[in-house]
Amino acid sequence: MSMSTGVSVSVPSSEPHVLDHPVFRRFWFPLVHVTEVAHGPVARMLLGEELVIWSPQPGVVAAASDRCPHRDARLSTGWIESCGLVCPYHGWGFGEDGAATRIPQVAEGAAFPSKAALTMYPAVERYGWVWVTMSDDPILDIPDIHEYDAVGWRTIREPESAWDCTALHLIDNNIDPAHIAYVHEKSFGTPSKPEVEIPEVEHHGRGMRLTYEVEVEGRPGEIGTTTVRSTVNRLHGPFLMLNRITYPDGLVHLMVKACTPATATTTRQLQMVLRNDTEAQRPASDIVDFDHQVWGEDQAVLERCWTDYRLDLTGNVHLKTDKASIEYRRWLQRLVTDGDTATLADPSTVQMADPDDDVVSDAAPAGTQRGAA
């Protein structure tokens, strides 16, 4: 499902985007549901590079640059045969390791050219998604999700969606409870209750953990019922969220959201929901329809944001309720500066946002209206 509004705002600068930094190539990204590659190769973009993803045999997945080394055809327009991935231009075949397995124009028994091979990237299947990293030395492993396929839990698959905004803005949006009252007025927020508590933010060796509660006017699949969302949102790396929402009646709604950067300024979102209720209690279609509405509300704002994402905290105005966003930007800055040492650092050594930090403002500077953010 492509939901993009098609509206994006150009950056008025020639400065490199933060996502152009090579450190981000060292994470695992889900790119496609495994069923999509069951019948042939699929094209996907990751950090500006065009990839082909295919399944040479059941239970095996592979990923490579979507470019045949012979005459530049896109291999994603080819097909799968016993010889492997077949290029549609001249019929060359490539195995799961990227090496040429068939070149019809080479005489039988003759050697293939040494460069007749694909540029490969590590790929695995987990949780029904094909994950790819652009590094032989990824910083983090794919996380364990213990609720997946566990007794008493069900999995709701949601459609993939394309977003004309940066993956960083999309994550920032999802760790910002203050936007709910306004952006989601028609689904589960209300402008009459804009106040939110300052989230608790902890760093761990794989990312961040955010804890907060917010009163909402509904929950997924249910509109018009005031309730409280108790949220523990775990970021595993910069682009993957495991957002565990618990409601007063004991319902747990675990949202696994991957904001995969197709390019520096566009995102492909993959999401599934794990819940401890049943289809009879709340049909999966209700959850999917609710989230589709929520995504549309977010896209209406995010796809009109500026496409740069500033890590320098002096570039934006911050409030105490922006603590999660502040810490996210600080963490990204450490990643860009220090690489994997920032991700794997001892949490006790990490500087936390001080409520009195001079980047946090409660007062309106001269020349601005009170309440400007």
Protein backbone atom coordinates (compact mmCIF):
# COMPACT_ATOMS: atom_id res chain seq x y z
CA MET A 1 0.00 0.00 0.00
CA SER A 2 1.40 3.38 -0.97
CA MET A 3 -0.10 6.19 1.07
CA SER A 4 2.23 9.04 0.23
CA THR A 5 0.56 12.36 -0.43
CA GLY A 6 3.24 13.15 -2.97
CA VAL A 7 4.06 16.45 -1.28
CA SER A 8 7.54 17.10 0.04
CA VAL A 9 9.52 20.22 0.82
CA SER A 10 12.98 20.71 -0.64
CA VAL A 11 15.91 21.51 1.59
CA PRO A 12 17.23 25.01 0.85
CA SER A 13 20.82 23.84 1.16
CA SER A 14 23.45 21.74 -0.56
CA GLU A 15 24.63 20.33 2.78
CA PRO A 16 24.81 16.51 2.98
CA HIS A 17 21.87 14.89 4.74
CA VAL A 18 22.61 13.21 8.07
CA LEU A 19 21.42 9.87 6.64
CA ASP A 20 24.18 10.03 4.04
CA HIS A 21 26.61 9.15 6.84
CA PRO A 22 28.02 5.61 6.38
CA VAL A 23 27.31 4.55 9.98
CA PHE A 24 23.64 4.03 9.10
CA ARG A 25 24.56 1.33 6.57
CA ARG A 26 25.58 -0.82 9.52
CA PHE A 27 22.08 -1.57 10.79
CA TRP A 28 19.62 -4.28 9.79
CA PHE A 29 16.54 -3.05 7.92
CA PRO A 30 13.37 -4.99 7.07
CA LEU A 31 12.57 -4.31 3.42
CA VAL A 32 9.72 -6.58 2.36
CA HIS A 33 7.42 -9.31 3.62
CA VAL A 34 8.79 -12.72 2.73
CA THR A 35 5.64 -13.69 0.83
CA GLU A 36 6.37 -10.91 -1.67
CA VAL A 37 9.53 -12.69 -2.87
CA ALA A 38 8.02 -16.18 -3.00
CA HIS A 39 7.21 -15.95 -6.72
CA GLY A 40 9.95 -13.74 -8.08
CA PRO A 41 12.46 -10.95 -7.42
CA VAL A 42 11.38 -7.66 -5.86
CA ALA A 43 12.93 -4.19 -6.17
CA ARG A 44 13.55 -2.11 -3.04
CA MET A 45 15.51 1.03 -2.27
CA LEU A 46 17.72 1.29 0.82
CA LEU A 47 19.67 4.43 1.72
CA GLY A 48 19.59 5.54 -1.90
CA GLU A 49 20.74 2.24 -3.41
CA GLU A 50 18.51 0.13 -5.62
CA LEU A 51 18.43 -3.50 -4.48
CA VAL A 52 16.93 -6.72 -5.79
CA ILE A 53 15.62 -9.19 -3.22
CA TRP A 54 14.76 -12.77 -4.09
CA SER A 55 14.25 -16.22 -2.65
CA PRO A 56 16.31 -18.84 -4.52
CA GLN A 57 14.60 -21.61 -2.55
CA PRO A 58 12.12 -21.86 0.32
CA GLY A 59 13.61 -20.57 3.54
CA VAL A 60 16.47 -18.75 1.80
CA VAL A 61 16.58 -15.07 0.86
CA ALA A 62 19.21 -13.01 -0.93
CA ALA A 63 19.83 -9.34 -1.71
CA ALA A 64 22.08 -7.64 -4.24
CA SER A 65 22.55 -4.45 -6.17
CA ASP A 66 19.73 -4.30 -8.72
CA ARG A 67 22.11 -4.10 -11.67
CA CYS A 68 23.34 -6.85 -13.93
CA PRO A 69 27.15 -6.54 -14.37
CA HIS A 70 26.77 -7.36 -18.07
CA ARG A 71 24.60 -4.61 -19.59
CA ASP A 72 23.05 -2.85 -16.60
CA ALA A 73 19.57 -4.40 -16.69
CA ARG A 74 17.52 -4.26 -13.50
CA LEU A 75 17.53 -7.80 -12.18
CA SER A 76 14.28 -7.16 -10.30
CA THR A 77 12.53 -7.36 -13.70
CA GLY A 78 13.84 -10.91 -14.16
CA TRP A 79 12.68 -14.24 -12.75
CA ILE A 80 13.79 -17.32 -10.82
CA GLU A 81 14.87 -20.62 -12.42
CA SER A 82 16.84 -23.60 -11.20
CA CYS A 83 20.03 -21.72 -12.08
CA GLY A 84 19.04 -18.86 -9.78
CA LEU A 85 18.08 -15.26 -10.43
CA VAL A 86 17.78 -14.72 -14.18
CA CYS A 87 18.54 -11.43 -15.91
CA PRO A 88 15.80 -10.64 -18.47
CA TYR A 89 18.25 -9.04 -20.94
CA HIS A 90 20.59 -11.90 -21.93
CA GLY A 91 19.48 -14.76 -19.68
CA TRP A 92 22.43 -14.74 -17.30
CA GLY A 93 21.77 -16.64 -14.08
CA PHE A 94 23.12 -15.82 -10.61
CA GLY A 95 23.19 -17.99 -7.49
CA GLU A 96 22.33 -16.98 -3.95
CA ASP A 97 25.99 -16.03 -3.40
CA GLY A 98 25.89 -13.68 -6.41
CA ALA A 99 28.19 -15.73 -8.61
CA ALA A 100 27.17 -16.36 -12.22
CA THR A 101 25.70 -19.83 -12.68
CA ARG A 102 24.70 -19.54 -16.34
CA ILE A 103 25.87 -17.39 -19.26
CA PRO A 104 24.18 -18.67 -22.41
CA GLN A 105 26.61 -16.82 -24.67
CA VAL A 106 29.66 -18.65 -23.21
CA ALA A 107 30.48 -22.03 -24.71
CA GLU A 108 29.81 -25.04 -22.50
CA GLY A 109 32.84 -25.82 -20.37
CA ALA A 110 34.45 -22.40 -20.89
CA ALA A 111 35.28 -20.21 -17.90
CA PHE A 112 33.02 -17.33 -16.97
CA PRO A 113 34.51 -13.82 -16.69
CA SER A 114 35.83 -13.25 -13.18
CA LYS A 115 33.67 -10.14 -12.76
CA ALA A 116 30.46 -11.96 -13.66
CA ALA A 117 29.07 -11.62 -10.14
CA LEU A 118 26.66 -9.43 -8.24
CA THR A 119 27.34 -6.98 -5.43
CA MET A 120 25.73 -8.85 -2.54
CA TYR A 121 24.39 -7.71 0.83
CA PRO A 122 23.68 -9.88 3.88
CA ALA A 123 20.00 -10.88 4.06
CA VAL A 124 17.94 -13.03 6.44
CA GLU A 125 14.28 -13.77 7.03
CA ARG A 126 12.87 -13.11 10.50
CA TYR A 127 9.35 -12.44 11.76
CA GLY A 128 8.07 -12.80 8.21
CA TRP A 129 10.21 -9.92 6.93
CA VAL A 130 13.35 -9.96 4.78
CA TRP A 131 16.06 -8.00 6.62
CA VAL A 132 19.08 -6.54 4.84
CA THR A 133 22.21 -4.80 6.06
CA MET A 134 24.69 -2.98 3.86
CA SER A 135 27.62 -3.95 6.06
CA ASP A 136 29.53 -7.15 6.78
CA ASP A 137 29.92 -5.83 10.32
CA PRO A 138 26.47 -4.67 11.51
CA ILE A 139 26.37 -2.76 14.76
CA LEU A 140 23.35 -4.57 16.21
CA ASP A 141 21.64 -7.91 15.76
CA ILE A 142 17.98 -8.16 14.82
CA PRO A 143 16.10 -7.97 18.14
CA ASP A 144 14.34 -10.82 19.87
CA ILE A 145 10.56 -10.34 19.96
CA HIS A 146 9.40 -12.90 22.47
CA GLU A 147 5.69 -12.28 21.90
CA TYR A 148 5.97 -13.28 18.23
CA ASP A 149 4.25 -16.67 17.74
CA ALA A 150 3.94 -17.02 21.53
CA VAL A 151 0.92 -18.69 23.10
CA GLY A 152 -1.81 -16.14 23.83
CA TRP A 153 -0.57 -13.64 21.25
CA ARG A 154 -1.68 -12.98 17.70
CA THR A 155 0.08 -11.14 14.88
CA ILE A 156 -1.65 -8.56 12.71
CA ARG A 157 0.18 -7.79 9.48
CA GLU A 158 -0.22 -4.24 8.23
CA PRO A 159 0.36 -3.02 4.66
CA GLU A 160 3.73 -1.53 3.76
CA SER A 161 3.52 2.20 3.15
CA ALA A 162 5.65 4.83 1.39
CA TRP A 163 6.30 8.17 3.09
CA ASP A 164 7.70 11.35 1.53
CA CYS A 165 9.57 12.27 4.69
CA THR A 166 12.78 11.30 6.39
CA ALA A 167 12.89 8.15 8.51
CA LEU A 168 14.22 10.32 11.33
CA HIS A 169 11.18 12.61 11.27
CA LEU A 170 8.92 9.55 11.25
CA ILE A 171 10.63 8.06 14.32
CA ASP A 172 10.62 11.49 15.99
CA ASN A 173 6.87 11.68 15.38
CA ASN A 174 6.35 8.31 17.04
CA ILE A 175 8.25 9.24 20.20
CA ASP A 176 6.38 12.54 20.55
CA PRO A 177 3.12 12.17 22.54
CA ALA A 178 2.47 15.92 22.41
CA HIS A 179 1.35 15.83 18.78
CA ILE A 180 -1.51 13.41 19.44
CA ALA A 181 -3.99 16.06 20.64
CA TYR A 182 -3.79 18.04 17.40
CA VAL A 183 -2.64 15.79 14.56
CA HIS A 184 -4.96 12.96 15.60
CA GLU A 185 -8.01 14.99 16.57
CA LYS A 186 -10.21 12.91 14.26
CA SER A 187 -8.98 9.54 15.52
CA PHE A 188 -7.84 9.38 19.14
CA GLY A 189 -6.63 12.84 20.22
CA THR A 190 -8.40 15.96 21.44
CA PRO A 191 -7.09 19.56 21.41
CA SER A 192 -8.90 20.22 24.69
CA LYS A 193 -6.36 17.95 26.44
CA PRO A 194 -2.97 18.97 25.01
CA GLU A 195 -1.01 18.44 28.22
CA VAL A 196 1.38 15.49 28.31
CA GLU A 197 3.80 14.33 30.95
CA ILE A 198 7.52 14.53 30.38
CA PRO A 199 8.57 11.05 29.24
CA GLU A 200 11.17 9.08 31.11
CA VAL A 201 14.12 8.36 28.80
CA GLU A 202 16.75 5.69 29.39
CA HIS A 203 19.67 4.74 27.16
CA HIS A 204 20.71 1.14 26.80
CA GLY A 205 23.33 -0.64 24.76
CA ARG A 206 21.05 -0.93 21.73
CA GLY A 207 19.16 2.34 21.74
CA MET A 208 16.61 4.12 23.93
CA ARG A 209 13.66 3.26 26.17
CA LEU A 210 10.85 5.76 26.61
CA THR A 211 8.11 5.54 29.25
CA TYR A 212 5.03 7.75 29.51
CA GLU A 213 1.27 7.82 29.88
CA VAL A 214 -1.19 9.81 27.81
CA GLU A 215 -4.98 10.12 27.91
CA VAL A 216 -6.56 9.39 24.53
CA GLU A 217 -10.04 9.36 23.05
CA GLY A 218 -9.86 5.82 21.72
CA ARG A 219 -7.60 2.88 21.04
CA PRO A 220 -6.90 0.94 17.84
CA GLY A 221 -10.17 -0.22 16.37
CA GLU A 222 -12.23 1.62 18.98
CA ILE A 223 -13.18 5.28 18.57
CA GLY A 224 -14.79 7.50 21.19
CA THR A 225 -13.76 5.70 24.37
CA THR A 226 -11.58 7.78 26.67
CA THR A 227 -8.77 5.73 28.14
CA VAL A 228 -5.10 5.91 29.15
CA ARG A 229 -2.21 4.55 27.12
CA SER A 230 0.70 3.40 29.27
CA THR A 231 3.57 3.26 26.83
CA VAL A 232 7.00 1.66 26.98
CA ASN A 233 8.63 2.40 23.64
CA ARG A 234 11.94 0.68 22.97
CA LEU A 235 14.11 1.89 20.09
CA HIS A 236 16.40 -0.85 18.83
CA GLY A 237 18.82 1.15 16.74
CA PRO A 238 17.71 4.41 15.11
CA PHE A 239 14.96 3.03 12.85
CA LEU A 240 13.11 0.22 14.66
CA MET A 241 10.54 0.68 17.42
CA LEU A 242 8.95 -1.89 19.71
CA ASN A 243 6.16 0.21 21.17
CA ARG A 244 4.38 -1.64 23.97
CA ILE A 245 1.06 0.01 24.87
CA THR A 246 -0.89 -1.30 27.85
CA TYR A 247 -4.48 -0.28 28.63
CA PRO A 248 -6.25 -0.35 32.01
CA ASP A 249 -8.14 -3.55 31.20
CA GLY A 250 -4.87 -5.44 30.57
CA LEU A 251 -4.92 -5.32 26.78
CA VAL A 252 -1.39 -5.10 25.38
CA HIS A 253 -0.88 -3.67 21.90
CA LEU A 254 2.75 -4.20 20.84
CA MET A 255 3.49 -2.20 17.71
CA VAL A 256 6.62 -3.27 15.82
CA LYS A 257 7.37 -0.41 13.46
CA ALA A 258 10.33 -0.24 11.06
CA CYS A 259 11.02 3.13 9.44
CA THR A 260 13.37 2.02 6.67
CA PRO A 261 15.10 4.90 4.84
CA ALA A 262 14.59 4.30 1.13
CA THR A 263 16.57 7.47 0.52
CA ALA A 264 17.72 10.22 2.84
CA THR A 265 14.35 11.94 2.42
CA THR A 266 11.87 9.09 1.77
CA THR A 267 10.83 6.16 3.95
CA ARG A 268 9.26 2.75 3.60
CA GLN A 269 7.34 1.77 6.72
CA LEU A 270 6.79 -1.86 7.68
CA GLN A 271 4.59 -2.58 10.67
CA MET A 272 2.98 -5.44 12.50
CA VAL A 273 1.01 -5.51 15.71
CA LEU A 274 1.12 -8.22 18.39
CA ARG A 275 -1.84 -8.36 20.77
CA ASN A 276 -2.93 -10.53 23.68
CA ASP A 277 -6.58 -10.58 22.66
CA THR A 278 -8.48 -12.51 19.99
CA GLU A 279 -9.92 -11.89 16.56
CA ALA A 280 -13.40 -12.25 18.05
CA GLN A 281 -12.70 -9.50 20.59
CA ARG A 282 -11.31 -7.07 18.02
CA PRO A 283 -11.11 -7.96 14.31
CA ALA A 284 -7.72 -7.39 12.69
CA SER A 285 -9.41 -5.33 9.98
CA ASP A 286 -10.47 -2.79 12.63
CA ILE A 287 -6.85 -2.40 13.74
CA VAL A 288 -5.61 -2.00 10.17
CA ASP A 289 -8.31 0.55 9.31
CA PHE A 290 -7.58 2.56 12.47
CA ASP A 291 -3.85 2.67 11.77
CA HIS A 292 -4.48 3.60 8.14
CA GLN A 293 -6.38 6.66 9.36
CA VAL A 294 -3.67 7.53 11.89
CA TRP A 295 -0.93 7.22 9.26
CA GLY A 296 -2.83 9.52 6.93
CA GLU A 297 -3.10 12.14 9.68
CA ASP A 298 0.65 11.92 10.34
CA GLN A 299 1.52 12.05 6.64
CA ALA A 300 -0.48 15.24 6.16
CA VAL A 301 2.01 16.92 8.50
CA LEU A 302 5.27 15.01 8.04
CA GLU A 303 5.27 15.15 4.24
CA ARG A 304 5.18 18.94 4.49
CA CYS A 305 8.07 19.17 6.95
CA TRP A 306 11.48 20.29 5.78
CA THR A 307 13.47 17.24 4.73
CA ASP A 308 16.65 18.02 6.64
CA TYR A 309 16.82 16.73 10.22
CA ARG A 310 18.97 18.88 12.44
CA LEU A 311 21.07 17.19 15.09
CA ASP A 312 22.41 20.50 16.34
CA LEU A 313 20.00 21.22 19.17
CA THR A 314 20.34 24.96 18.68
CA GLY A 315 18.63 24.59 15.29
CA ASN A 316 15.18 24.03 16.83
CA VAL A 317 13.24 25.29 19.83
CA HIS A 318 12.69 22.61 22.47
CA LEU A 319 10.34 22.22 25.42
CA LYS A 320 10.62 19.91 28.41
CA THR A 321 8.00 17.65 26.82
CA ASP A 322 10.40 17.19 23.88
CA LYS A 323 12.79 15.21 26.05
CA ALA A 324 12.56 12.06 23.93
CA SER A 325 13.26 13.96 20.70
CA ILE A 326 16.16 15.78 22.33
CA GLU A 327 17.74 12.53 23.47
CA TYR A 328 17.12 10.90 20.08
CA ARG A 329 19.00 13.74 18.33
CA ARG A 330 21.83 13.56 20.85
CA TRP A 331 22.12 9.83 20.32
CA LEU A 332 22.16 10.22 16.52
CA GLN A 333 24.87 12.84 16.87
CA ARG A 334 26.96 10.41 18.92
CA LEU A 335 26.43 7.74 16.28
CA VAL A 336 27.62 10.06 13.54
CA THR A 337 30.58 11.16 15.64
CA ASP A 338 31.59 7.94 17.42
CA GLY A 339 30.04 5.11 15.38
CA ASP A 340 29.31 1.82 17.15
CA THR A 341 30.95 2.98 20.39
CA ALA A 342 27.99 5.33 20.83
CA THR A 343 25.48 2.51 20.33
CA LEU A 344 27.19 0.01 22.57
CA ALA A 345 28.19 2.48 25.27
CA ASP A 346 27.66 1.78 28.94
CA PRO A 347 24.34 3.50 29.72
CA SER A 348 25.82 4.95 32.91
CA THR A 349 28.21 7.03 30.81
CA VAL A 350 25.51 8.63 28.68
CA GLN A 351 24.57 12.26 29.28
CA MET A 352 20.84 12.61 29.90
CA ALA A 353 18.74 15.67 29.16
CA ASP A 354 18.69 17.99 32.17
CA PRO A 355 15.33 19.74 32.62
CA ASP A 356 17.33 22.95 33.14
CA ASP A 357 19.51 22.43 30.07
CA ASP A 358 19.84 25.65 28.11
CA VAL A 359 18.45 23.98 24.95
CA VAL A 360 15.09 23.61 26.70
CA SER A 361 12.94 26.70 26.77
CA ASP A 362 9.90 27.59 28.84
CA ALA A 363 10.00 31.29 28.07
CA ALA A 364 9.21 33.12 24.86
CA PRO A 365 12.21 35.07 23.51
CA ALA A 366 11.74 38.73 22.65
CA GLY A 367 9.93 39.14 19.36
CA THR A 368 8.02 35.84 19.50
CA GLN A 369 4.54 34.99 20.64
CA ARG A 370 4.14 33.08 23.87
CA GLY A 371 3.78 29.35 23.22
CA ALA A 372 5.95 29.25 20.09
CA ALA A 373 7.74 25.94 19.86
